[in-house]
Each structure stands twice: as C-alpha cells, then as structure tokens.
Amino acid sequence: MAQEVKRKRGETFESLMRRFSRRVQQSGKLLQAKKIRFHTKDKSKNLQRASALRREEIKQKREYLKKIGKLKEETGDFRNKYTRR
C-alpha cells in the first residue's frame, strides 16, 4: 500500500516531508524494496544445461587452440594494465 500523508493546517512542507519519511521508514516498505532490488529469477534447468554446454564447448576449443599453438599461453598475470603496480 502507498503511504498517504495529508498536510495539516499551518504545517510547513519540511515537516510534512519529515512525517512522510518517518511513516515510510516505519512501514518497512523501503527496506523491503532495497532487499529485492537486485533479485534475479532462477534459470530454468534447460537454460542452465545449455549455458553449461556452451561453457564446456568454449573450454575445449581454447584447449585445442593452445595445443596446436594458435593460442598464446596465459602468463597468470591478470592485473589491470592501467593500474599502478
């Protein structure tokens, strides 16, 4: 439910906003919205299987290219080249 706050007679806008903010905070809606903000749905089994097969295929292709010498060996230095060392 949306929070509704009506302006009282002679009430300043700042105090109205303060009352509204307090009511929203107490309702817990803001906290609930922050909790579910980045929630993603679980992938279906078929999508999980397809992405796993794709990863495996890419891995095998890389290994093959390394074996025949078309792909340069990784040195293990994965740091960002633009940062200071």
PDB file of N, CA and C in Angstrom:
ATOM      1  N   MET A   1       0.845  -1.181   0.000  1.00  0.00           N
ATOM      2  CA  MET A   1       0.000   0.000   0.000  1.00  0.00           C
ATOM      3  C   MET A   1       0.886   1.238   0.000  1.00  0.00           C
ATOM      4  N   ALA A   2       0.434   2.239  -0.691  1.00  0.00           N
ATOM      5  CA  ALA A   2       1.150   3.506  -0.721  1.00  0.00           C
ATOM      6  C   ALA A   2       0.848   4.271   0.567  1.00  0.00           C
ATOM      7  N   GLN A   3       1.846   4.960   1.055  1.00  0.00           N
ATOM      8  CA  GLN A   3       1.666   5.758   2.263  1.00  0.00           C
ATOM      9  C   GLN A   3       1.031   7.087   1.880  1.00  0.00           C
ATOM     10  N   GLU A   4       0.036   7.503   2.657  1.00  0.00           N
ATOM     11  CA  GLU A   4      -0.640   8.763   2.372  1.00  0.00           C
ATOM     12  C   GLU A   4      -0.524   9.662   3.587  1.00  0.00           C
ATOM     13  N   VAL A   5      -0.056  10.880   3.355  1.00  0.00           N
ATOM     14  CA  VAL A   5       0.078  11.856   4.427  1.00  0.00           C
ATOM     15  C   VAL A   5      -0.541  13.155   3.931  1.00  0.00           C
ATOM     16  N   LYS A   6      -1.519  13.670   4.680  1.00  0.00           N
ATOM     17  CA  LYS A   6      -2.159  14.926   4.284  1.00  0.00           C
ATOM     18  C   LYS A   6      -1.573  16.068   5.096  1.00  0.00           C
ATOM     19  N   ARG A   7      -1.460  17.188   4.442  1.00  0.00           N
ATOM     20  CA  ARG A   7      -0.866  18.365   5.080  1.00  0.00           C
ATOM     21  C   ARG A   7      -1.835  18.926   6.120  1.00  0.00           C
ATOM     22  N   LYS A   8      -1.308  19.150   7.308  1.00  0.00           N
ATOM     23  CA  LYS A   8      -2.118  19.723   8.374  1.00  0.00           C
ATOM     24  C   LYS A   8      -2.165  21.236   8.209  1.00  0.00           C
ATOM     25  N   ARG A   9      -3.145  21.847   8.793  1.00  0.00           N
ATOM     26  CA  ARG A   9      -3.291  23.303   8.681  1.00  0.00           C
ATOM     27  C   ARG A   9      -2.098  24.001   9.320  1.00  0.00           C
ATOM     28  N   GLY A  10      -1.427  24.866   8.543  1.00  0.00           N
ATOM     29  CA  GLY A  10      -0.299  25.626   9.055  1.00  0.00           C
ATOM     30  C   GLY A  10       1.007  24.844   9.102  1.00  0.00           C
ATOM     31  N   GLU A  11       1.005  23.639   8.554  1.00  0.00           N
ATOM     32  CA  GLU A  11       2.211  22.813   8.595  1.00  0.00           C
ATOM     33  C   GLU A  11       3.144  23.177   7.435  1.00  0.00           C
ATOM     34  N   THR A  12       4.427  23.240   7.720  1.00  0.00           N
ATOM     35  CA  THR A  12       5.396  23.563   6.666  1.00  0.00           C
ATOM     36  C   THR A  12       5.642  22.327   5.808  1.00  0.00           C
ATOM     37  N   PHE A  13       6.163  22.595   4.617  1.00  0.00           N
ATOM     38  CA  PHE A  13       6.444  21.494   3.699  1.00  0.00           C
ATOM     39  C   PHE A  13       7.515  20.583   4.275  1.00  0.00           C
ATOM     40  N   GLU A  14       8.515  21.163   4.951  1.00  0.00           N
ATOM     41  CA  GLU A  14       9.598  20.363   5.528  1.00  0.00           C
ATOM     42  C   GLU A  14       9.073  19.386   6.583  1.00  0.00           C
ATOM     43  N   SER A  15       8.165  19.868   7.451  1.00  0.00           N
ATOM     44  CA  SER A  15       7.642  18.975   8.487  1.00  0.00           C
ATOM     45  C   SER A  15       6.732  17.906   7.869  1.00  0.00           C
ATOM     46  N   LEU A  16       6.032  18.270   6.791  1.00  0.00           N
ATOM     47  CA  LEU A  16       5.221  17.281   6.082  1.00  0.00           C
ATOM     48  C   LEU A  16       6.107  16.195   5.493  1.00  0.00           C
ATOM     49  N   MET A  17       7.208  16.584   4.870  1.00  0.00           N
ATOM     50  CA  MET A  17       8.143  15.611   4.298  1.00  0.00           C
ATOM     51  C   MET A  17       8.761  14.745   5.393  1.00  0.00           C
ATOM     52  N   ARG A  18       9.088  15.340   6.514  1.00  0.00           N
ATOM     53  CA  ARG A  18       9.654  14.598   7.635  1.00  0.00           C
ATOM     54  C   ARG A  18       8.659  13.539   8.134  1.00  0.00           C
ATOM     55  N   ARG A  19       7.385  13.939   8.263  1.00  0.00           N
ATOM     56  CA  ARG A  19       6.354  12.994   8.701  1.00  0.00           C
ATOM     57  C   ARG A  19       6.177  11.856   7.702  1.00  0.00           C
ATOM     58  N   PHE A  20       6.185  12.210   6.421  1.00  0.00           N
ATOM     59  CA  PHE A  20       6.041  11.200   5.373  1.00  0.00           C
ATOM     60  C   PHE A  20       7.224  10.231   5.409  1.00  0.00           C
ATOM     61  N   SER A  21       8.438  10.779   5.497  1.00  0.00           N
ATOM     62  CA  SER A  21       9.628   9.932   5.527  1.00  0.00           C
ATOM     63  C   SER A  21       9.591   8.990   6.718  1.00  0.00           C
ATOM     64  N   ARG A  22       9.196   9.500   7.864  1.00  0.00           N
ATOM     65  CA  ARG A  22       9.134   8.667   9.067  1.00  0.00           C
ATOM     66  C   ARG A  22       8.107   7.553   8.892  1.00  0.00           C
ATOM     67  N   ARG A  23       6.963   7.878   8.292  1.00  0.00           N
ATOM     68  CA  ARG A  23       5.925   6.865   8.106  1.00  0.00           C
ATOM     69  C   ARG A  23       6.366   5.776   7.122  1.00  0.00           C
ATOM     70  N   VAL A  24       7.053   6.183   6.063  1.00  0.00           N
ATOM     71  CA  VAL A  24       7.562   5.211   5.098  1.00  0.00           C
ATOM     72  C   VAL A  24       8.596   4.318   5.764  1.00  0.00           C
ATOM     73  N   GLN A  25       9.474   4.924   6.568  1.00  0.00           N
ATOM     74  CA  GLN A  25      10.517   4.156   7.271  1.00  0.00           C
ATOM     75  C   GLN A  25       9.888   3.136   8.220  1.00  0.00           C
ATOM     76  N   GLN A  26       8.869   3.552   8.942  1.00  0.00           N
ATOM     77  CA  GLN A  26       8.237   2.676   9.916  1.00  0.00           C
ATOM     78  C   GLN A  26       7.443   1.555   9.254  1.00  0.00           C
ATOM     79  N   SER A  27       6.942   1.807   8.052  1.00  0.00           N
ATOM     80  CA  SER A  27       6.143   0.780   7.378  1.00  0.00           C
ATOM     81  C   SER A  27       7.006  -0.388   6.918  1.00  0.00           C
ATOM     82  N   GLY A  28       8.307  -0.143   6.673  1.00  0.00           N
ATOM     83  CA  GLY A  28       9.203  -1.202   6.248  1.00  0.00           C
ATOM     84  C   GLY A  28       9.195  -1.440   4.748  1.00  0.00           C
ATOM     85  N   LYS A  29       8.420  -0.670   4.008  1.00  0.00           N
ATOM     86  CA  LYS A  29       8.339  -0.850   2.554  1.00  0.00           C
ATOM     87  C   LYS A  29       9.664  -0.514   1.884  1.00  0.00           C
ATOM     88  N   LEU A  30      10.323   0.513   2.366  1.00  0.00           N
ATOM     89  CA  LEU A  30      11.600   0.925   1.781  1.00  0.00           C
ATOM     90  C   LEU A  30      12.655  -0.167   1.973  1.00  0.00           C
ATOM     91  N   LEU A  31      12.704  -0.735   3.156  1.00  0.00           N
ATOM     92  CA  LEU A  31      13.651  -1.812   3.454  1.00  0.00           C
ATOM     93  C   LEU A  31      13.375  -3.029   2.581  1.00  0.00           C
ATOM     94  N   GLN A  32      12.100  -3.350   2.410  1.00  0.00           N
ATOM     95  CA  GLN A  32      11.713  -4.493   1.582  1.00  0.00           C
ATOM     96  C   GLN A  32      12.114  -4.249   0.128  1.00  0.00           C
ATOM     97  N   ALA A  33      11.912  -3.039  -0.370  1.00  0.00           N
ATOM     98  CA  ALA A  33      12.268  -2.719  -1.752  1.00  0.00           C
ATOM     99  C   ALA A  33      13.772  -2.812  -1.958  1.00  0.00           C
ATOM    100  N   LYS A  34      14.562  -2.386  -0.972  1.00  0.00           N
ATOM    101  CA  LYS A  34      16.022  -2.466  -1.083  1.00  0.00           C
ATOM    102  C   LYS A  34      16.492  -3.916  -1.079  1.00  0.00           C
ATOM    103  N   LYS A  35      15.802  -4.767  -0.330  1.00  0.00           N
ATOM    104  CA  LYS A  35      16.201  -6.175  -0.253  1.00  0.00           C
ATOM    105  C   LYS A  35      16.022  -6.879  -1.588  1.00  0.00           C
ATOM    106  N   ILE A  36      14.914  -6.597  -2.289  1.00  0.00           N
ATOM    107  CA  ILE A  36      14.614  -7.323  -3.520  1.00  0.00           C
ATOM    108  C   ILE A  36      15.091  -6.587  -4.760  1.00  0.00           C
ATOM    109  N   ARG A  37      15.841  -5.532  -4.595  1.00  0.00           N
ATOM    110  CA  ARG A  37      16.246  -4.683  -5.714  1.00  0.00           C
ATOM    111  C   ARG A  37      17.029  -5.435  -6.785  1.00  0.00           C
ATOM    112  N   PHE A  38      17.975  -6.257  -6.397  1.00  0.00           N
ATOM    113  CA  PHE A  38      18.836  -6.934  -7.354  1.00  0.00           C
ATOM    114  C   PHE A  38      18.507  -8.425  -7.476  1.00  0.00           C
ATOM    115  N   HIS A  39      17.335  -8.825  -7.033  1.00  0.00           N
ATOM    116  CA  HIS A  39      16.943 -10.234  -7.100  1.00  0.00           C
ATOM    117  C   HIS A  39      16.711 -10.629  -8.545  1.00  0.00           C
ATOM    118  N   THR A  40      17.266 -11.762  -8.928  1.00  0.00           N
ATOM    119  CA  THR A  40      17.039 -12.282 -10.268  1.00  0.00           C
ATOM    120  C   THR A  40      16.373 -13.640 -10.163  1.00  0.00           C
ATOM    121  N   LYS A  41      15.534 -13.936 -11.124  1.00  0.00           N
ATOM    122  CA  LYS A  41      14.859 -15.228 -11.124  1.00  0.00           C
ATOM    123  C   LYS A  41      15.863 -16.325 -11.440  1.00  0.00           C
ATOM    124  N   ASP A  42      15.624 -17.503 -10.893  1.00  0.00           N
ATOM    125  CA  ASP A  42      16.475 -18.649 -11.183  1.00  0.00           C
ATOM    126  C   ASP A  42      16.253 -19.085 -12.626  1.00  0.00           C
ATOM    127  N   LYS A  43      17.329 -19.528 -13.272  1.00  0.00           N
ATOM    128  CA  LYS A  43      17.221 -20.011 -14.633  1.00  0.00           C
ATOM    129  C   LYS A  43      16.557 -21.383 -14.634  1.00  0.00           C
ATOM    130  N   SER A  44      15.877 -21.677 -15.709  1.00  0.00           N
ATOM    131  CA  SER A  44      15.263 -23.000 -15.828  1.00  0.00           C
ATOM    132  C   SER A  44      16.375 -24.033 -16.036  1.00  0.00           C
ATOM    133  N   LYS A  45      16.036 -25.281 -15.828  1.00  0.00           N
ATOM    134  CA  LYS A  45      17.020 -26.364 -15.969  1.00  0.00           C
ATOM    135  C   LYS A  45      17.587 -26.409 -17.385  1.00  0.00           C
ATOM    136  N   ASN A  46      16.722 -26.179 -18.388  1.00  0.00           N
ATOM    137  CA  ASN A  46      17.185 -26.230 -19.773  1.00  0.00           C
ATOM    138  C   ASN A  46      18.193 -25.107 -20.053  1.00  0.00           C
ATOM    139  N   LEU A  47      17.919 -23.903 -19.528  1.00  0.00           N
ATOM    140  CA  LEU A  47      18.854 -22.793 -19.733  1.00  0.00           C
ATOM    141  C   LEU A  47      20.182 -23.050 -19.027  1.00  0.00           C
ATOM    142  N   GLN A  48      20.114 -23.609 -17.808  1.00  0.00           N
ATOM    143  CA  GLN A  48      21.336 -23.931 -17.081  1.00  0.00           C
ATOM    144  C   GLN A  48      22.162 -24.961 -17.840  1.00  0.00           C
ATOM    145  N   ARG A  49      21.488 -25.961 -18.364  1.00  0.00           N
ATOM    146  CA  ARG A  49      22.170 -27.020 -19.105  1.00  0.00           C
ATOM    147  C   ARG A  49      22.802 -26.455 -20.377  1.00  0.00           C
ATOM    148  N   ALA A  50      22.060 -25.595 -21.075  1.00  0.00           N
ATOM    149  CA  ALA A  50      22.568 -25.019 -22.319  1.00  0.00           C
ATOM    150  C   ALA A  50      23.792 -24.147 -22.065  1.00  0.00           C
ATOM    151  N   SER A  51      23.756 -23.338 -21.007  1.00  0.00           N
ATOM    152  CA  SER A  51      24.906 -22.475 -20.727  1.00  0.00           C
ATOM    153  C   SER A  51      26.109 -23.299 -20.273  1.00  0.00           C
ATOM    154  N   ALA A  52      25.864 -24.385 -19.544  1.00  0.00           N
ATOM    155  CA  ALA A  52      26.967 -25.259 -19.128  1.00  0.00           C
ATOM    156  C   ALA A  52      27.606 -25.919 -20.341  1.00  0.00           C
ATOM    157  N   LEU A  53      26.793 -26.379 -21.289  1.00  0.00           N
ATOM    158  CA  LEU A  53      27.319 -26.993 -22.508  1.00  0.00           C
ATOM    159  C   LEU A  53      28.120 -25.979 -23.321  1.00  0.00           C
ATOM    160  N   ARG A  54      27.617 -24.750 -23.391  1.00  0.00           N
ATOM    161  CA  ARG A  54      28.322 -23.696 -24.121  1.00  0.00           C
ATOM    162  C   ARG A  54      29.676 -23.398 -23.478  1.00  0.00           C
ATOM    163  N   ARG A  55      29.712 -23.312 -22.160  1.00  0.00           N
ATOM    164  CA  ARG A  55      30.976 -23.078 -21.451  1.00  0.00           C
ATOM    165  C   ARG A  55      31.959 -24.205 -21.713  1.00  0.00           C
ATOM    166  N   GLU A  56      31.471 -25.438 -21.656  1.00  0.00           N
ATOM    167  CA  GLU A  56      32.333 -26.597 -21.883  1.00  0.00           C
ATOM    168  C   GLU A  56      32.888 -26.602 -23.308  1.00  0.00           C
ATOM    169  N   GLU A  57      32.048 -26.241 -24.263  1.00  0.00           N
ATOM    170  CA  GLU A  57      32.481 -26.189 -25.656  1.00  0.00           C
ATOM    171  C   GLU A  57      33.571 -25.133 -25.855  1.00  0.00           C
ATOM    172  N   ILE A  58      33.396 -23.978 -25.253  1.00  0.00           N
ATOM    173  CA  ILE A  58      34.401 -22.905 -25.349  1.00  0.00           C
ATOM    174  C   ILE A  58      35.705 -23.344 -24.702  1.00  0.00           C
ATOM    175  N   LYS A  59      35.599 -24.029 -23.557  1.00  0.00           N
ATOM    176  CA  LYS A  59      36.783 -24.511 -22.848  1.00  0.00           C
ATOM    177  C   LYS A  59      37.566 -25.504 -23.708  1.00  0.00           C
ATOM    178  N   GLN A  60      36.855 -26.424 -24.326  1.00  0.00           N
ATOM    179  CA  GLN A  60      37.510 -27.411 -25.181  1.00  0.00           C
ATOM    180  C   GLN A  60      38.161 -26.754 -26.390  1.00  0.00           C
ATOM    181  N   LYS A  61      37.482 -25.757 -26.957  1.00  0.00           N
ATOM    182  CA  LYS A  61      38.030 -25.056 -28.110  1.00  0.00           C
ATOM    183  C   LYS A  61      39.329 -24.330 -27.743  1.00  0.00           C
ATOM    184  N   ARG A  62      39.346 -23.697 -26.575  1.00  0.00           N
ATOM    185  CA  ARG A  62      40.549 -22.998 -26.113  1.00  0.00           C
ATOM    186  C   ARG A  62      41.703 -23.977 -25.895  1.00  0.00           C
ATOM    187  N   GLU A  63      41.391 -25.103 -25.264  1.00  0.00           N
ATOM    188  CA  GLU A  63      42.427 -26.115 -25.025  1.00  0.00           C
ATOM    189  C   GLU A  63      43.004 -26.623 -26.343  1.00  0.00           C
ATOM    190  N   TYR A  64      42.139 -26.832 -27.333  1.00  0.00           N
ATOM    191  CA  TYR A  64      42.592 -27.313 -28.630  1.00  0.00           C
ATOM    192  C   TYR A  64      43.495 -26.273 -29.301  1.00  0.00           C
ATOM    193  N   LEU A  65      43.071 -25.008 -29.266  1.00  0.00           N
ATOM    194  CA  LEU A  65      43.874 -23.947 -29.881  1.00  0.00           C
ATOM    195  C   LEU A  65      45.225 -23.805 -29.178  1.00  0.00           C
ATOM    196  N   LYS A  66      45.249 -23.981 -27.849  1.00  0.00           N
ATOM    197  CA  LYS A  66      46.519 -23.940 -27.114  1.00  0.00           C
ATOM    198  C   LYS A  66      47.416 -25.087 -27.544  1.00  0.00           C
ATOM    199  N   LYS A  67      46.817 -26.257 -27.699  1.00  0.00           N
ATOM    200  CA  LYS A  67      47.582 -27.453 -28.038  1.00  0.00           C
ATOM    201  C   LYS A  67      48.234 -27.337 -29.413  1.00  0.00           C
ATOM    202  N   ILE A  68      47.519 -26.770 -30.374  1.00  0.00           N
ATOM    203  CA  ILE A  68      48.088 -26.663 -31.720  1.00  0.00           C
ATOM    204  C   ILE A  68      48.923 -25.399 -31.900  1.00  0.00           C
ATOM    205  N   GLY A  69      48.995 -24.561 -30.856  1.00  0.00           N
ATOM    206  CA  GLY A  69      49.867 -23.394 -30.893  1.00  0.00           C
ATOM    207  C   GLY A  69      49.246 -22.143 -31.490  1.00  0.00           C
ATOM    208  N   LYS A  70      47.949 -22.134 -31.697  1.00  0.00           N
ATOM    209  CA  LYS A  70      47.282 -20.958 -32.259  1.00  0.00           C
ATOM    210  C   LYS A  70      46.918 -19.938 -31.178  1.00  0.00           C
ATOM    211  N   LEU A  71      46.908 -20.385 -29.928  1.00  0.00           N
ATOM    212  CA  LEU A  71      46.546 -19.509 -28.822  1.00  0.00           C
ATOM    213  C   LEU A  71      47.738 -19.371 -27.893  1.00  0.00           C
ATOM    214  N   LYS A  72      48.049 -18.127 -27.538  1.00  0.00           N
ATOM    215  CA  LYS A  72      49.192 -17.859 -26.668  1.00  0.00           C
ATOM    216  C   LYS A  72      48.902 -18.367 -25.252  1.00  0.00           C
ATOM    217  N   GLU A  73      49.896 -18.961 -24.609  1.00  0.00           N
ATOM    218  CA  GLU A  73      49.738 -19.453 -23.237  1.00  0.00           C
ATOM    219  C   GLU A  73      49.490 -18.285 -22.299  1.00  0.00           C
ATOM    220  N   GLU A  74      48.653 -18.498 -21.306  1.00  0.00           N
ATOM    221  CA  GLU A  74      48.371 -17.459 -20.322  1.00  0.00           C
ATOM    222  C   GLU A  74      49.515 -17.401 -19.320  1.00  0.00           C
ATOM    223  N   THR A  75      49.914 -16.163 -18.957  1.00  0.00           N
ATOM    224  CA  THR A  75      51.033 -15.997 -18.042  1.00  0.00           C
ATOM    225  C   THR A  75      50.592 -16.042 -16.585  1.00  0.00           C
ATOM    226  N   GLY A  76      49.310 -15.818 -16.329  1.00  0.00           N
ATOM    227  CA  GLY A  76      48.833 -15.815 -14.953  1.00  0.00           C
ATOM    228  C   GLY A  76      48.807 -14.417 -14.366  1.00  0.00           C
ATOM    229  N   ASP A  77      49.235 -13.389 -15.129  1.00  0.00           N
ATOM    230  CA  ASP A  77      49.216 -12.011 -14.662  1.00  0.00           C
ATOM    231  C   ASP A  77      47.913 -11.374 -15.134  1.00  0.00           C
ATOM    232  N   PHE A  78      46.902 -11.409 -14.276  1.00  0.00           N
ATOM    233  CA  PHE A  78      45.581 -10.933 -14.673  1.00  0.00           C
ATOM    234  C   PHE A  78      45.290  -9.536 -14.153  1.00  0.00           C
ATOM    235  N   ARG A  79      46.306  -8.837 -13.651  1.00  0.00           N
ATOM    236  CA  ARG A  79      46.067  -7.496 -13.135  1.00  0.00           C
ATOM    237  C   ARG A  79      45.728  -6.540 -14.267  1.00  0.00           C
ATOM    238  N   ASN A  80      45.037  -5.482 -13.903  1.00  0.00           N
ATOM    239  CA  ASN A  80      44.655  -4.470 -14.882  1.00  0.00           C
ATOM    240  C   ASN A  80      45.896  -3.732 -15.339  1.00  0.00           C
ATOM    241  N   LYS A  81      46.082  -3.598 -16.636  1.00  0.00           N
ATOM    242  CA  LYS A  81      47.304  -2.982 -17.138  1.00  0.00           C
ATOM    243  C   LYS A  81      47.304  -1.458 -16.952  1.00  0.00           C
ATOM    244  N   TYR A  82      46.157  -0.866 -16.587  1.00  0.00           N
ATOM    245  CA  TYR A  82      46.094   0.571 -16.444  1.00  0.00           C
ATOM    246  C   TYR A  82      46.290   1.038 -15.007  1.00  0.00           C
ATOM    247  N   THR A  83      46.387   0.102 -14.057  1.00  0.00           N
ATOM    248  CA  THR A  83      46.604   0.495 -12.660  1.00  0.00           C
ATOM    249  C   THR A  83      48.082   0.471 -12.340  1.00  0.00           C
ATOM    250  N   ARG A  84      48.429   1.192 -11.305  1.00  0.00           N
ATOM    251  CA  ARG A  84      49.824   1.210 -10.864  1.00  0.00           C
ATOM    252  C   ARG A  84      50.188  -0.092 -10.195  1.00  0.00           C
ATOM    253  N   ARG A  85      51.439  -0.450 -10.309  1.00  0.00           N
ATOM    254  CA  ARG A  85      51.891  -1.692  -9.652  1.00  0.00           C
ATOM    255  C   ARG A  85      52.883  -1.369  -8.580  1.00  0.00           C
TER     256      ARG A  85
END
